[in-house]
Amino acid sequence: MGFKVAVAGATGNVGREMLDILAERRFPADEVVALASSRSIGTEVSYGDKTLKCRDLANYDFAGTDLCLMSAGGSVSKEWSPKIAAAGCVVIDNSSAWRMDPDVPLVVPEVNAAATAGFTKKNIVANPNCSTAQLVVALKPLHDAATIKRVVVATYQSVSGAGKDAMDELFAQTRAVFVSESVETKKFPKRIAFNVIPHIDVFMEDGTTKEEWKMVAETKKILDPKIKLVATCVRVPVFIGHSEAVNIEFEKPISADEARDILRKAPGVLVIDKREAGGYITPHEAAGEDATYVSRIREDPTIENGLSLWCVSDNLRKGAALNAIQIAEVLVNHKLIQPKRKAA
């Protein structure tokens, strides 16, 4: 007996990745349906060795569908997720639309899988922001061991986090620089090729950006509301993979060696930390991988009980598609949902 799964936003970067990962991980689906906007009807997308033709989200009947992986953007999710949920289909949403709703669990399975059970209030589970997801995977085991008081994080976020148009813009601008053509800026406020931009999402009244606010609010909801966190989020000219420089202050003493041992045993984490040239992970190496990589673990001599580390992950996978499918696996494996129909 398998599940019927719909992927909404199937033509986007994350939607395509969701289809790939469903096939890779052999999710127990009897049928997978690709959904998109009306302008993408008939567009072909890959699901394992199969090709699916996209159907119109607006005209699709969800009554016989068990799960909808929603990656069509916040405004679409705000409109459609409650309707889909009302049809008895559980929505796992990748946008920011539902993350801070108190009746919607915000889940990273390695961190707070038990929270998934709260989906019954609205039939919706939220995926965190890509930069938050990898951060809390690395923080959780350290928090359990020594209790985190404060985190200071600077992110180095790839352009794929802003969608396919952003990736195309980096490619076009890089080419333009090499052939001495004019550089056009459309998706980003400033040129991204051979540059870094300390601005992701809109600015808020206090001078932070919404991306920085998301990291604060989501970490508190997922991990611990007592943790103090400040972030500076930066877009960098990398296609795939977010990196983070993380400084952590703990309540209890913890050495770099202890942290390294703890992280080596932690779910979802791979420690690559040789104190030599190349003995660390970069986003280029993390692209296409499921793990959250941690390197450069060292003690911070400027504060009591302080550590610094480097954290890298594929933002399209752990930061989005993989995390959503891991949530679906929690729902299935913990028997929180059952298929509506028997396999044909």
C-alpha atoms as a PDB file:
ATOM      1  CA  MET A   1       0.000   0.000   0.000  1.00  0.00           C
ATOM      2  CA  GLY A   2       1.570   3.259  -1.124  1.00  0.00           C
ATOM      3  CA  PHE A   3       0.828   6.952  -0.998  1.00  0.00           C
ATOM      4  CA  LYS A   4      -0.290   9.404  -3.660  1.00  0.00           C
ATOM      5  CA  VAL A   5       2.010  12.443  -3.600  1.00  0.00           C
ATOM      6  CA  ALA A   6       1.663  15.764  -5.391  1.00  0.00           C
ATOM      7  CA  VAL A   7       4.587  18.157  -5.927  1.00  0.00           C
ATOM      8  CA  ALA A   8       3.363  21.735  -6.407  1.00  0.00           C
ATOM      9  CA  GLY A   9       5.878  24.030  -8.093  1.00  0.00           C
ATOM     10  CA  ALA A  10       7.389  21.044  -9.899  1.00  0.00           C
ATOM     11  CA  THR A  11       9.161  23.128 -12.565  1.00  0.00           C
ATOM     12  CA  GLY A  12      11.200  25.182 -10.072  1.00  0.00           C
ATOM     13  CA  ASN A  13      14.646  24.417  -8.664  1.00  0.00           C
ATOM     14  CA  VAL A  14      13.288  22.950  -5.428  1.00  0.00           C
ATOM     15  CA  GLY A  15      10.322  21.188  -7.045  1.00  0.00           C
ATOM     16  CA  ARG A  16      12.607  19.311  -9.440  1.00  0.00           C
ATOM     17  CA  GLU A  17      14.892  18.434  -6.543  1.00  0.00           C
ATOM     18  CA  MET A  18      11.897  17.093  -4.601  1.00  0.00           C
ATOM     19  CA  LEU A  19      11.029  14.760  -7.469  1.00  0.00           C
ATOM     20  CA  ASP A  20      14.629  13.553  -7.682  1.00  0.00           C
ATOM     21  CA  ILE A  21      14.856  12.891  -3.943  1.00  0.00           C
ATOM     22  CA  LEU A  22      11.483  11.102  -3.785  1.00  0.00           C
ATOM     23  CA  ALA A  23      12.874   8.674  -6.359  1.00  0.00           C
ATOM     24  CA  GLU A  24      16.362   8.451  -4.790  1.00  0.00           C
ATOM     25  CA  ARG A  25      15.028   7.622  -1.336  1.00  0.00           C
ATOM     26  CA  ARG A  26      12.342   5.291  -2.713  1.00  0.00           C
ATOM     27  CA  PHE A  27       9.550   7.084  -0.912  1.00  0.00           C
ATOM     28  CA  PRO A  28       6.563   4.692  -0.711  1.00  0.00           C
ATOM     29  CA  ALA A  29       4.479   6.393  -3.389  1.00  0.00           C
ATOM     30  CA  ASP A  30       2.183   4.513  -5.764  1.00  0.00           C
ATOM     31  CA  GLU A  31       1.680   7.694  -7.745  1.00  0.00           C
ATOM     32  CA  VAL A  32       3.466  11.041  -7.981  1.00  0.00           C
ATOM     33  CA  VAL A  33       1.800  14.012  -9.640  1.00  0.00           C
ATOM     34  CA  ALA A  34       3.649  17.110 -10.869  1.00  0.00           C
ATOM     35  CA  LEU A  35       1.705  20.357 -10.444  1.00  0.00           C
ATOM     36  CA  ALA A  36       2.505  23.866 -11.641  1.00  0.00           C
ATOM     37  CA  SER A  37       0.799  27.073 -12.758  1.00  0.00           C
ATOM     38  CA  SER A  38      -1.389  27.136 -15.859  1.00  0.00           C
ATOM     39  CA  ARG A  39       1.456  28.494 -18.001  1.00  0.00           C
ATOM     40  CA  SER A  40       3.481  25.323 -17.308  1.00  0.00           C
ATOM     41  CA  ILE A  41       0.790  22.758 -18.138  1.00  0.00           C
ATOM     42  CA  GLY A  42       2.376  19.958 -20.157  1.00  0.00           C
ATOM     43  CA  THR A  43       5.950  20.829 -19.179  1.00  0.00           C
ATOM     44  CA  GLU A  44       7.889  17.613 -18.665  1.00  0.00           C
ATOM     45  CA  VAL A  45       9.831  16.926 -15.459  1.00  0.00           C
ATOM     46  CA  SER A  46      11.791  13.869 -14.365  1.00  0.00           C
ATOM     47  CA  TYR A  47      10.845  11.502 -11.564  1.00  0.00           C
ATOM     48  CA  GLY A  48      13.430   8.731 -11.378  1.00  0.00           C
ATOM     49  CA  ASP A  49      13.376   6.987 -14.759  1.00  0.00           C
ATOM     50  CA  LYS A  50       9.900   8.354 -15.500  1.00  0.00           C
ATOM     51  CA  THR A  51       8.822  11.583 -17.156  1.00  0.00           C
ATOM     52  CA  LEU A  52       5.835  13.427 -15.716  1.00  0.00           C
ATOM     53  CA  LYS A  53       3.788  16.093 -17.454  1.00  0.00           C
ATOM     54  CA  CYS A  54       2.797  19.013 -15.250  1.00  0.00           C
ATOM     55  CA  ARG A  55      -0.849  19.503 -14.445  1.00  0.00           C
ATOM     56  CA  ASP A  56      -2.600  22.695 -13.359  1.00  0.00           C
ATOM     57  CA  LEU A  57      -2.534  23.254  -9.607  1.00  0.00           C
ATOM     58  CA  ALA A  58      -5.691  25.385  -9.791  1.00  0.00           C
ATOM     59  CA  ASN A  59      -7.772  22.594 -11.353  1.00  0.00           C
ATOM     60  CA  TYR A  60      -6.364  19.574  -9.540  1.00  0.00           C
ATOM     61  CA  ASP A  61      -8.638  17.579  -7.200  1.00  0.00           C
ATOM     62  CA  PHE A  62      -6.709  16.766  -4.002  1.00  0.00           C
ATOM     63  CA  ALA A  63      -9.442  14.555  -2.532  1.00  0.00           C
ATOM     64  CA  GLY A  64      -7.552  11.325  -3.320  1.00  0.00           C
ATOM     65  CA  THR A  65      -4.061  12.660  -2.626  1.00  0.00           C
ATOM     66  CA  ASP A  66      -2.268  11.933   0.649  1.00  0.00           C
ATOM     67  CA  LEU A  67       0.629  14.415   0.616  1.00  0.00           C
ATOM     68  CA  CYS A  68       1.371  17.663  -1.171  1.00  0.00           C
ATOM     69  CA  LEU A  69       4.935  18.941  -1.208  1.00  0.00           C
ATOM     70  CA  MET A  70       4.371  22.656  -1.739  1.00  0.00           C
ATOM     71  CA  SER A  71       7.177  24.665  -3.331  1.00  0.00           C
ATOM     72  CA  ALA A  72       5.289  27.263  -5.315  1.00  0.00           C
ATOM     73  CA  GLY A  73       6.065  30.362  -3.224  1.00  0.00           C
ATOM     74  CA  GLY A  74       4.505  32.078  -0.245  1.00  0.00           C
ATOM     75  CA  SER A  75       1.564  33.783  -1.962  1.00  0.00           C
ATOM     76  CA  VAL A  76       0.500  30.565  -3.710  1.00  0.00           C
ATOM     77  CA  SER A  77       0.840  28.627  -0.462  1.00  0.00           C
ATOM     78  CA  LYS A  78      -1.210  31.167   1.471  1.00  0.00           C
ATOM     79  CA  GLU A  79      -4.027  30.753  -1.040  1.00  0.00           C
ATOM     80  CA  TRP A  80      -3.857  27.032  -1.767  1.00  0.00           C
ATOM     81  CA  SER A  81      -2.451  25.208   1.273  1.00  0.00           C
ATOM     82  CA  PRO A  82      -5.610  25.661   3.412  1.00  0.00           C
ATOM     83  CA  LYS A  83      -7.774  24.445   0.498  1.00  0.00           C
ATOM     84  CA  ILE A  84      -5.541  21.432  -0.067  1.00  0.00           C
ATOM     85  CA  ALA A  85      -5.481  20.657   3.662  1.00  0.00           C
ATOM     86  CA  ALA A  86      -9.271  20.918   3.838  1.00  0.00           C
ATOM     87  CA  ALA A  87      -9.471  18.189   1.164  1.00  0.00           C
ATOM     88  CA  GLY A  88      -7.703  15.856   3.596  1.00  0.00           C
ATOM     89  CA  CYS A  89      -4.277  16.121   1.993  1.00  0.00           C
ATOM     90  CA  VAL A  90      -1.347  16.919   4.292  1.00  0.00           C
ATOM     91  CA  VAL A  91       0.718  19.870   3.047  1.00  0.00           C
ATOM     92  CA  ILE A  92       4.461  20.131   3.644  1.00  0.00           C
ATOM     93  CA  ASP A  93       5.199  23.726   2.731  1.00  0.00           C
ATOM     94  CA  ASN A  94       8.602  25.062   1.732  1.00  0.00           C
ATOM     95  CA  SER A  95       7.719  28.777   1.785  1.00  0.00           C
ATOM     96  CA  SER A  96       7.742  31.242   4.675  1.00  0.00           C
ATOM     97  CA  ALA A  97       3.932  31.451   4.665  1.00  0.00           C
ATOM     98  CA  TRP A  98       3.234  29.156   7.636  1.00  0.00           C
ATOM     99  CA  ARG A  99       6.504  28.941   9.561  1.00  0.00           C
ATOM    100  CA  MET A 100       5.542  31.225  12.406  1.00  0.00           C
ATOM    101  CA  ASP A 101       1.905  30.121  12.658  1.00  0.00           C
ATOM    102  CA  PRO A 102       1.546  28.703  16.203  1.00  0.00           C
ATOM    103  CA  ASP A 103      -0.746  25.946  14.871  1.00  0.00           C
ATOM    104  CA  VAL A 104       1.772  24.774  12.252  1.00  0.00           C
ATOM    105  CA  PRO A 105       4.829  22.758  13.311  1.00  0.00           C
ATOM    106  CA  LEU A 106       8.161  23.982  11.939  1.00  0.00           C
ATOM    107  CA  VAL A 107      10.285  20.873  11.586  1.00  0.00           C
ATOM    108  CA  VAL A 108      13.844  19.746  10.965  1.00  0.00           C
ATOM    109  CA  PRO A 109      13.638  15.978  11.554  1.00  0.00           C
ATOM    110  CA  GLU A 110      17.128  15.638  13.072  1.00  0.00           C
ATOM    111  CA  VAL A 111      16.205  18.342  15.586  1.00  0.00           C
ATOM    112  CA  ASN A 112      12.501  18.208  16.489  1.00  0.00           C
ATOM    113  CA  ALA A 113      10.846  15.305  14.671  1.00  0.00           C
ATOM    114  CA  ALA A 114       8.313  14.881  17.507  1.00  0.00           C
ATOM    115  CA  ALA A 115       6.818  18.285  16.652  1.00  0.00           C
ATOM    116  CA  THR A 116       5.543  16.842  13.357  1.00  0.00           C
ATOM    117  CA  ALA A 117       2.598  15.282  15.197  1.00  0.00           C
ATOM    118  CA  GLY A 118       1.146  18.776  15.598  1.00  0.00           C
ATOM    119  CA  PHE A 119       0.254  18.870  11.893  1.00  0.00           C
ATOM    120  CA  THR A 120      -3.330  17.813  12.683  1.00  0.00           C
ATOM    121  CA  LYS A 121      -4.334  21.332  13.752  1.00  0.00           C
ATOM    122  CA  LYS A 122      -4.182  22.638  10.163  1.00  0.00           C
ATOM    123  CA  ASN A 123      -2.980  19.636   8.152  1.00  0.00           C
ATOM    124  CA  ILE A 124       0.150  21.674   7.338  1.00  0.00           C
ATOM    125  CA  VAL A 125       3.803  21.211   8.294  1.00  0.00           C
ATOM    126  CA  ALA A 126       6.317  23.977   7.551  1.00  0.00           C
ATOM    127  CA  ASN A 127       9.856  23.651   6.246  1.00  0.00           C
ATOM    128  CA  PRO A 128      12.312  26.211   7.697  1.00  0.00           C
ATOM    129  CA  ASN A 129      14.377  28.706   5.777  1.00  0.00           C
ATOM    130  CA  CYS A 130      17.351  27.061   4.046  1.00  0.00           C
ATOM    131  CA  SER A 131      19.947  28.901   6.145  1.00  0.00           C
ATOM    132  CA  THR A 132      18.131  27.996   9.368  1.00  0.00           C
ATOM    133  CA  ALA A 133      17.820  24.290   8.517  1.00  0.00           C
ATOM    134  CA  GLN A 134      21.528  23.585   8.305  1.00  0.00           C
ATOM    135  CA  LEU A 135      22.300  25.808  11.283  1.00  0.00           C
ATOM    136  CA  VAL A 136      19.970  24.022  13.707  1.00  0.00           C
ATOM    137  CA  VAL A 137      21.199  20.586  12.568  1.00  0.00           C
ATOM    138  CA  ALA A 138      24.675  21.643  13.721  1.00  0.00           C
ATOM    139  CA  LEU A 139      23.494  23.467  16.856  1.00  0.00           C
ATOM    140  CA  LYS A 140      21.116  20.819  18.275  1.00  0.00           C
ATOM    141  CA  PRO A 141      23.693  18.266  19.534  1.00  0.00           C
ATOM    142  CA  LEU A 142      25.876  21.032  20.978  1.00  0.00           C
ATOM    143  CA  HIS A 143      22.879  22.611  22.688  1.00  0.00           C
ATOM    144  CA  ASP A 144      21.966  19.252  24.246  1.00  0.00           C
ATOM    145  CA  ALA A 145      25.514  18.916  25.596  1.00  0.00           C
ATOM    146  CA  ALA A 146      26.308  22.393  26.898  1.00  0.00           C
ATOM    147  CA  THR A 147      23.200  24.658  26.484  1.00  0.00           C
ATOM    148  CA  ILE A 148      23.600  27.473  23.972  1.00  0.00           C
ATOM    149  CA  LYS A 149      23.142  31.028  25.256  1.00  0.00           C
ATOM    150  CA  ARG A 150      24.001  33.109  22.187  1.00  0.00           C
ATOM    151  CA  VAL A 151      24.808  32.622  18.505  1.00  0.00           C
ATOM    152  CA  VAL A 152      26.395  35.075  16.077  1.00  0.00           C
ATOM    153  CA  VAL A 153      26.212  33.867  12.476  1.00  0.00           C
ATOM    154  CA  ALA A 154      27.301  35.305   9.132  1.00  0.00           C
ATOM    155  CA  THR A 155      25.918  33.486   6.097  1.00  0.00           C
ATOM    156  CA  TYR A 156      27.387  33.131   2.617  1.00  0.00           C
ATOM    157  CA  GLN A 157      24.309  32.171   0.615  1.00  0.00           C
ATOM    158  CA  SER A 158      24.284  30.894  -2.958  1.00  0.00           C
ATOM    159  CA  VAL A 159      22.155  32.427  -5.675  1.00  0.00           C
ATOM    160  CA  SER A 160      20.019  29.282  -6.075  1.00  0.00           C
ATOM    161  CA  GLY A 161      18.298  30.328  -2.863  1.00  0.00           C
ATOM    162  CA  ALA A 162      16.734  33.129  -4.896  1.00  0.00           C
ATOM    163  CA  GLY A 163      15.544  30.821  -7.692  1.00  0.00           C
ATOM    164  CA  LYS A 164      16.417  29.894 -11.262  1.00  0.00           C
ATOM    165  CA  ASP A 165      16.337  33.514 -12.484  1.00  0.00           C
ATOM    166  CA  ALA A 166      19.032  34.356  -9.939  1.00  0.00           C
ATOM    167  CA  MET A 167      21.219  31.514 -11.159  1.00  0.00           C
ATOM    168  CA  ASP A 168      20.739  32.681 -14.730  1.00  0.00           C
ATOM    169  CA  GLU A 169      21.702  36.223 -13.713  1.00  0.00           C
ATOM    170  CA  LEU A 170      24.962  35.093 -12.116  1.00  0.00           C
ATOM    171  CA  PHE A 171      25.811  33.094 -15.237  1.00  0.00           C
ATOM    172  CA  ALA A 172      24.949  35.968 -17.596  1.00  0.00           C
ATOM    173  CA  GLN A 173      26.831  38.564 -15.544  1.00  0.00           C
ATOM    174  CA  THR A 174      29.922  36.352 -15.260  1.00  0.00           C
ATOM    175  CA  ARG A 175      29.944  35.811 -19.009  1.00  0.00           C
ATOM    176  CA  ALA A 176      29.455  39.546 -19.625  1.00  0.00           C
ATOM    177  CA  VAL A 177      32.471  40.380 -17.466  1.00  0.00           C
ATOM    178  CA  PHE A 178      34.684  37.951 -19.376  1.00  0.00           C
ATOM    179  CA  VAL A 179      33.653  39.209 -22.826  1.00  0.00           C
ATOM    180  CA  SER A 180      33.640  42.884 -21.770  1.00  0.00           C
ATOM    181  CA  GLU A 181      29.911  43.397 -22.265  1.00  0.00           C
ATOM    182  CA  SER A 182      27.683  45.540 -20.058  1.00  0.00           C
ATOM    183  CA  VAL A 183      26.491  43.806 -16.880  1.00  0.00           C
ATOM    184  CA  GLU A 184      22.713  43.836 -16.450  1.00  0.00           C
ATOM    185  CA  THR A 185      21.141  43.688 -12.979  1.00  0.00           C
ATOM    186  CA  LYS A 186      17.571  42.421 -12.673  1.00  0.00           C
ATOM    187  CA  LYS A 187      17.112  39.954  -9.822  1.00  0.00           C
ATOM    188  CA  PHE A 188      19.602  41.431  -7.367  1.00  0.00           C
ATOM    189  CA  PRO A 189      19.919  45.064  -6.174  1.00  0.00           C
ATOM    190  CA  LYS A 190      23.596  45.128  -7.178  1.00  0.00           C
ATOM    191  CA  ARG A 191      25.832  43.104  -9.451  1.00  0.00           C
ATOM    192  CA  ILE A 192      26.395  39.591  -8.041  1.00  0.00           C
ATOM    193  CA  ALA A 193      29.171  38.375 -10.345  1.00  0.00           C
ATOM    194  CA  PHE A 194      32.566  38.722  -8.586  1.00  0.00           C
ATOM    195  CA  ASN A 195      30.810  40.534  -5.744  1.00  0.00           C
ATOM    196  CA  VAL A 196      28.996  39.916  -2.440  1.00  0.00           C
ATOM    197  CA  ILE A 197      25.722  41.555  -1.409  1.00  0.00           C
ATOM    198  CA  PRO A 198      24.904  41.954   2.324  1.00  0.00           C
ATOM    199  CA  HIS A 199      21.182  42.040   1.651  1.00  0.00           C
ATOM    200  CA  ILE A 200      18.729  39.108   1.357  1.00  0.00           C
ATOM    201  CA  ASP A 201      14.953  39.734   1.387  1.00  0.00           C
ATOM    202  CA  VAL A 202      13.481  43.091   2.406  1.00  0.00           C
ATOM    203  CA  PHE A 203      14.807  45.492   5.049  1.00  0.00           C
ATOM    204  CA  MET A 204      12.942  45.826   8.335  1.00  0.00           C
ATOM    205  CA  GLU A 205      12.578  48.881  10.569  1.00  0.00           C
ATOM    206  CA  ASP A 206      15.451  47.952  12.878  1.00  0.00           C
ATOM    207  CA  GLY A 207      17.919  47.624   9.992  1.00  0.00           C
ATOM    208  CA  THR A 208      17.924  43.837   9.812  1.00  0.00           C
ATOM    209  CA  THR A 209      16.699  42.061   6.713  1.00  0.00           C
ATOM    210  CA  LYS A 210      13.793  39.644   6.767  1.00  0.00           C
ATOM    211  CA  GLU A 211      16.194  36.759   6.032  1.00  0.00           C
ATOM    212  CA  GLU A 212      18.113  37.633   9.196  1.00  0.00           C
ATOM    213  CA  TRP A 213      14.879  37.888  11.173  1.00  0.00           C
ATOM    214  CA  LYS A 214      13.801  34.460   9.874  1.00  0.00           C
ATOM    215  CA  MET A 215      16.966  32.857  11.213  1.00  0.00           C
ATOM    216  CA  VAL A 216      16.336  34.333  14.653  1.00  0.00           C
ATOM    217  CA  ALA A 217      12.617  33.505  14.872  1.00  0.00           C
ATOM    218  CA  GLU A 218      12.881  30.048  13.320  1.00  0.00           C
ATOM    219  CA  THR A 219      15.825  28.929  15.457  1.00  0.00           C
ATOM    220  CA  LYS A 220      13.877  29.909  18.561  1.00  0.00           C
ATOM    221  CA  LYS A 221      10.782  28.000  17.411  1.00  0.00           C
ATOM    222  CA  ILE A 222      12.645  24.861  16.326  1.00  0.00           C
ATOM    223  CA  LEU A 223      15.373  24.634  18.938  1.00  0.00           C
ATOM    224  CA  ASP A 224      14.879  26.814  22.019  1.00  0.00           C
ATOM    225  CA  PRO A 225      13.152  30.195  22.541  1.00  0.00           C
ATOM    226  CA  LYS A 226      15.832  31.147  25.094  1.00  0.00           C
ATOM    227  CA  ILE A 227      18.646  31.187  22.542  1.00  0.00           C
ATOM    228  CA  LYS A 228      19.790  34.664  21.541  1.00  0.00           C
ATOM    229  CA  LEU A 229      20.860  34.913  17.911  1.00  0.00           C
ATOM    230  CA  VAL A 230      22.024  37.644  15.567  1.00  0.00           C
ATOM    231  CA  ALA A 231      22.653  37.074  11.858  1.00  0.00           C
ATOM    232  CA  THR A 232      24.173  38.892   8.911  1.00  0.00           C
ATOM    233  CA  CYS A 233      22.983  37.284   5.680  1.00  0.00           C
ATOM    234  CA  VAL A 234      25.074  37.753   2.548  1.00  0.00           C
ATOM    235  CA  ARG A 235      24.504  36.650  -1.053  1.00  0.00           C
ATOM    236  CA  VAL A 236      27.666  35.359  -2.730  1.00  0.00           C
ATOM    237  CA  PRO A 237      28.481  34.370  -6.345  1.00  0.00           C
ATOM    238  CA  VAL A 238      28.068  30.627  -5.790  1.00  0.00           C
ATOM    239  CA  PHE A 239      25.433  28.610  -7.658  1.00  0.00           C
ATOM    240  CA  ILE A 240      24.564  25.963  -5.021  1.00  0.00           C
ATOM    241  CA  GLY A 241      25.433  25.612  -1.331  1.00  0.00           C
ATOM    242  CA  HIS A 242      25.073  27.901   1.661  1.00  0.00           C
ATOM    243  CA  SER A 243      27.968  28.453   4.066  1.00  0.00           C
ATOM    244  CA  GLU A 244      27.869  29.894   7.575  1.00  0.00           C
ATOM    245  CA  ALA A 245      30.492  31.196   9.974  1.00  0.00           C
ATOM    246  CA  VAL A 246      29.029  30.475  13.407  1.00  0.00           C
ATOM    247  CA  ASN A 247      30.148  31.746  16.812  1.00  0.00           C
ATOM    248  CA  ILE A 248      28.465  30.114  19.804  1.00  0.00           C
ATOM    249  CA  GLU A 249      28.442  30.984  23.514  1.00  0.00           C
ATOM    250  CA  PHE A 250      27.448  28.185  25.918  1.00  0.00           C
ATOM    251  CA  GLU A 251      26.302  28.058  29.523  1.00  0.00           C
ATOM    252  CA  LYS A 252      28.587  25.105  30.282  1.00  0.00           C
ATOM    253  CA  PRO A 253      32.210  24.475  29.340  1.00  0.00           C
ATOM    254  CA  ILE A 254      32.781  22.617  26.079  1.00  0.00           C
ATOM    255  CA  SER A 255      36.084  22.137  24.280  1.00  0.00           C
ATOM    256  CA  ALA A 256      36.654  21.974  20.537  1.00  0.00           C
ATOM    257  CA  ASP A 257      37.588  18.293  20.858  1.00  0.00           C
ATOM    258  CA  GLU A 258      34.404  17.530  22.775  1.00  0.00           C
ATOM    259  CA  ALA A 259      32.314  19.416  20.202  1.00  0.00           C
ATOM    260  CA  ARG A 260      34.015  17.544  17.376  1.00  0.00           C
ATOM    261  CA  ASP A 261      33.228  14.179  18.978  1.00  0.00           C
ATOM    262  CA  ILE A 262      29.612  15.173  19.653  1.00  0.00           C
ATOM    263  CA  LEU A 263      29.056  16.365  16.079  1.00  0.00           C
ATOM    264  CA  ARG A 264      30.624  13.233  14.604  1.00  0.00           C
ATOM    265  CA  LYS A 265      27.879  11.184  16.293  1.00  0.00           C
ATOM    266  CA  ALA A 266      25.050  13.597  15.406  1.00  0.00           C
ATOM    267  CA  PRO A 267      22.386  12.682  12.822  1.00  0.00           C
ATOM    268  CA  GLY A 268      22.688  14.552   9.532  1.00  0.00           C
ATOM    269  CA  VAL A 269      26.145  15.952  10.333  1.00  0.00           C
ATOM    270  CA  LEU A 270      29.502  15.119   8.743  1.00  0.00           C
ATOM    271  CA  VAL A 271      32.620  16.576  10.358  1.00  0.00           C
ATOM    272  CA  ILE A 272      35.497  17.355   7.980  1.00  0.00           C
ATOM    273  CA  ASP A 273      37.979  19.206  10.164  1.00  0.00           C
ATOM    274  CA  LYS A 274      41.663  18.747   9.388  1.00  0.00           C
ATOM    275  CA  ARG A 275      43.830  21.666  10.389  1.00  0.00           C
ATOM    276  CA  GLU A 276      45.614  21.829   7.063  1.00  0.00           C
ATOM    277  CA  ALA A 277      45.137  23.353   3.628  1.00  0.00           C
ATOM    278  CA  GLY A 278      41.943  21.929   2.140  1.00  0.00           C
ATOM    279  CA  GLY A 279      40.943  20.177   5.353  1.00  0.00           C
ATOM    280  CA  TYR A 280      37.447  21.707   5.358  1.00  0.00           C
ATOM    281  CA  ILE A 281      34.338  21.636   3.179  1.00  0.00           C
ATOM    282  CA  THR A 282      33.301  24.303   0.674  1.00  0.00           C
ATOM    283  CA  PRO A 283      29.900  24.730  -1.015  1.00  0.00           C
ATOM    284  CA  HIS A 284      31.262  23.288  -4.253  1.00  0.00           C
ATOM    285  CA  GLU A 285      31.891  19.964  -2.487  1.00  0.00           C
ATOM    286  CA  ALA A 286      28.594  20.027  -0.585  1.00  0.00           C
ATOM    287  CA  ALA A 287      26.475  20.481  -3.736  1.00  0.00           C
ATOM    288  CA  GLY A 288      24.422  17.374  -4.412  1.00  0.00           C
ATOM    289  CA  GLU A 289      25.040  15.965  -0.922  1.00  0.00           C
ATOM    290  CA  ASP A 290      22.532  15.432   1.887  1.00  0.00           C
ATOM    291  CA  ALA A 291      24.731  16.142   4.902  1.00  0.00           C
ATOM    292  CA  THR A 292      25.297  19.301   6.860  1.00  0.00           C
ATOM    293  CA  TYR A 293      29.091  19.589   6.915  1.00  0.00           C
ATOM    294  CA  VAL A 294      30.946  21.137   9.854  1.00  0.00           C
ATOM    295  CA  SER A 295      34.583  22.271   9.698  1.00  0.00           C
ATOM    296  CA  ARG A 296      36.972  24.707  11.426  1.00  0.00           C
ATOM    297  CA  ILE A 297      35.780  23.831  14.958  1.00  0.00           C
ATOM    298  CA  ARG A 298      37.831  25.883  17.416  1.00  0.00           C
ATOM    299  CA  GLU A 299      37.598  27.525  20.811  1.00  0.00           C
ATOM    300  CA  ASP A 300      36.885  31.239  21.050  1.00  0.00           C
ATOM    301  CA  PRO A 301      39.341  32.771  23.540  1.00  0.00           C
ATOM    302  CA  THR A 302      37.426  36.084  23.700  1.00  0.00           C
ATOM    303  CA  ILE A 303      34.485  34.692  25.705  1.00  0.00           C
ATOM    304  CA  GLU A 304      33.932  32.052  28.365  1.00  0.00           C
ATOM    305  CA  ASN A 305      32.608  28.766  26.950  1.00  0.00           C
ATOM    306  CA  GLY A 306      32.811  29.866  23.333  1.00  0.00           C
ATOM    307  CA  LEU A 307      33.289  27.990  20.052  1.00  0.00           C
ATOM    308  CA  SER A 308      33.491  28.979  16.395  1.00  0.00           C
ATOM    309  CA  LEU A 309      32.760  26.705  13.451  1.00  0.00           C
ATOM    310  CA  TRP A 310      32.119  26.614   9.704  1.00  0.00           C
ATOM    311  CA  CYS A 311      28.885  25.014   8.444  1.00  0.00           C
ATOM    312  CA  VAL A 312      28.063  24.149   4.803  1.00  0.00           C
ATOM    313  CA  SER A 313      25.109  22.445   3.141  1.00  0.00           C
ATOM    314  CA  ASP A 314      23.319  22.122  -0.200  1.00  0.00           C
ATOM    315  CA  ASN A 315      20.499  24.638   0.188  1.00  0.00           C
ATOM    316  CA  LEU A 316      18.303  22.967  -2.429  1.00  0.00           C
ATOM    317  CA  ARG A 317      18.531  19.626  -0.635  1.00  0.00           C
ATOM    318  CA  LYS A 318      18.807  19.866   3.181  1.00  0.00           C
ATOM    319  CA  GLY A 319      17.740  23.494   3.018  1.00  0.00           C
ATOM    320  CA  ALA A 320      14.537  22.674   1.151  1.00  0.00           C
ATOM    321  CA  ALA A 321      13.648  19.511  -0.805  1.00  0.00           C
ATOM    322  CA  LEU A 322      15.370  16.864   1.314  1.00  0.00           C
ATOM    323  CA  ASN A 323      14.050  18.310   4.577  1.00  0.00           C
ATOM    324  CA  ALA A 324      10.494  18.278   3.198  1.00  0.00           C
ATOM    325  CA  ILE A 325      10.770  14.630   2.196  1.00  0.00           C
ATOM    326  CA  GLN A 326      12.325  13.734   5.554  1.00  0.00           C
ATOM    327  CA  ILE A 327       9.230  15.296   7.163  1.00  0.00           C
ATOM    328  CA  ALA A 328       7.053  13.141   4.893  1.00  0.00           C
ATOM    329  CA  GLU A 329       9.057  10.097   5.988  1.00  0.00           C
ATOM    330  CA  VAL A 330       8.422  10.979   9.653  1.00  0.00           C
ATOM    331  CA  LEU A 331       4.676  11.149   8.931  1.00  0.00           C
ATOM    332  CA  VAL A 332       4.793   7.735   7.259  1.00  0.00           C
ATOM    333  CA  ASN A 333       7.249   5.929   9.544  1.00  0.00           C
ATOM    334  CA  HIS A 334       5.547   7.124  12.719  1.00  0.00           C
ATOM    335  CA  LYS A 335       2.184   6.121  11.215  1.00  0.00           C
ATOM    336  CA  LEU A 336       0.848   9.650  11.586  1.00  0.00           C
ATOM    337  CA  ILE A 337      -0.809   9.317   8.171  1.00  0.00           C
ATOM    338  CA  GLN A 338      -2.242   6.374   6.225  1.00  0.00           C
ATOM    339  CA  PRO A 339      -2.806   6.086   2.468  1.00  0.00           C
ATOM    340  CA  LYS A 340      -6.357   6.884   1.448  1.00  0.00           C
ATOM    341  CA  ARG A 341      -6.539   4.131  -1.123  1.00  0.00           C
ATOM    342  CA  LYS A 342      -5.035   0.720  -1.641  1.00  0.00           C
ATOM    343  CA  ALA A 343      -2.402   0.155  -4.290  1.00  0.00           C
ATOM    344  CA  ALA A 344      -3.867  -0.765  -7.665  1.00  0.00           C
END
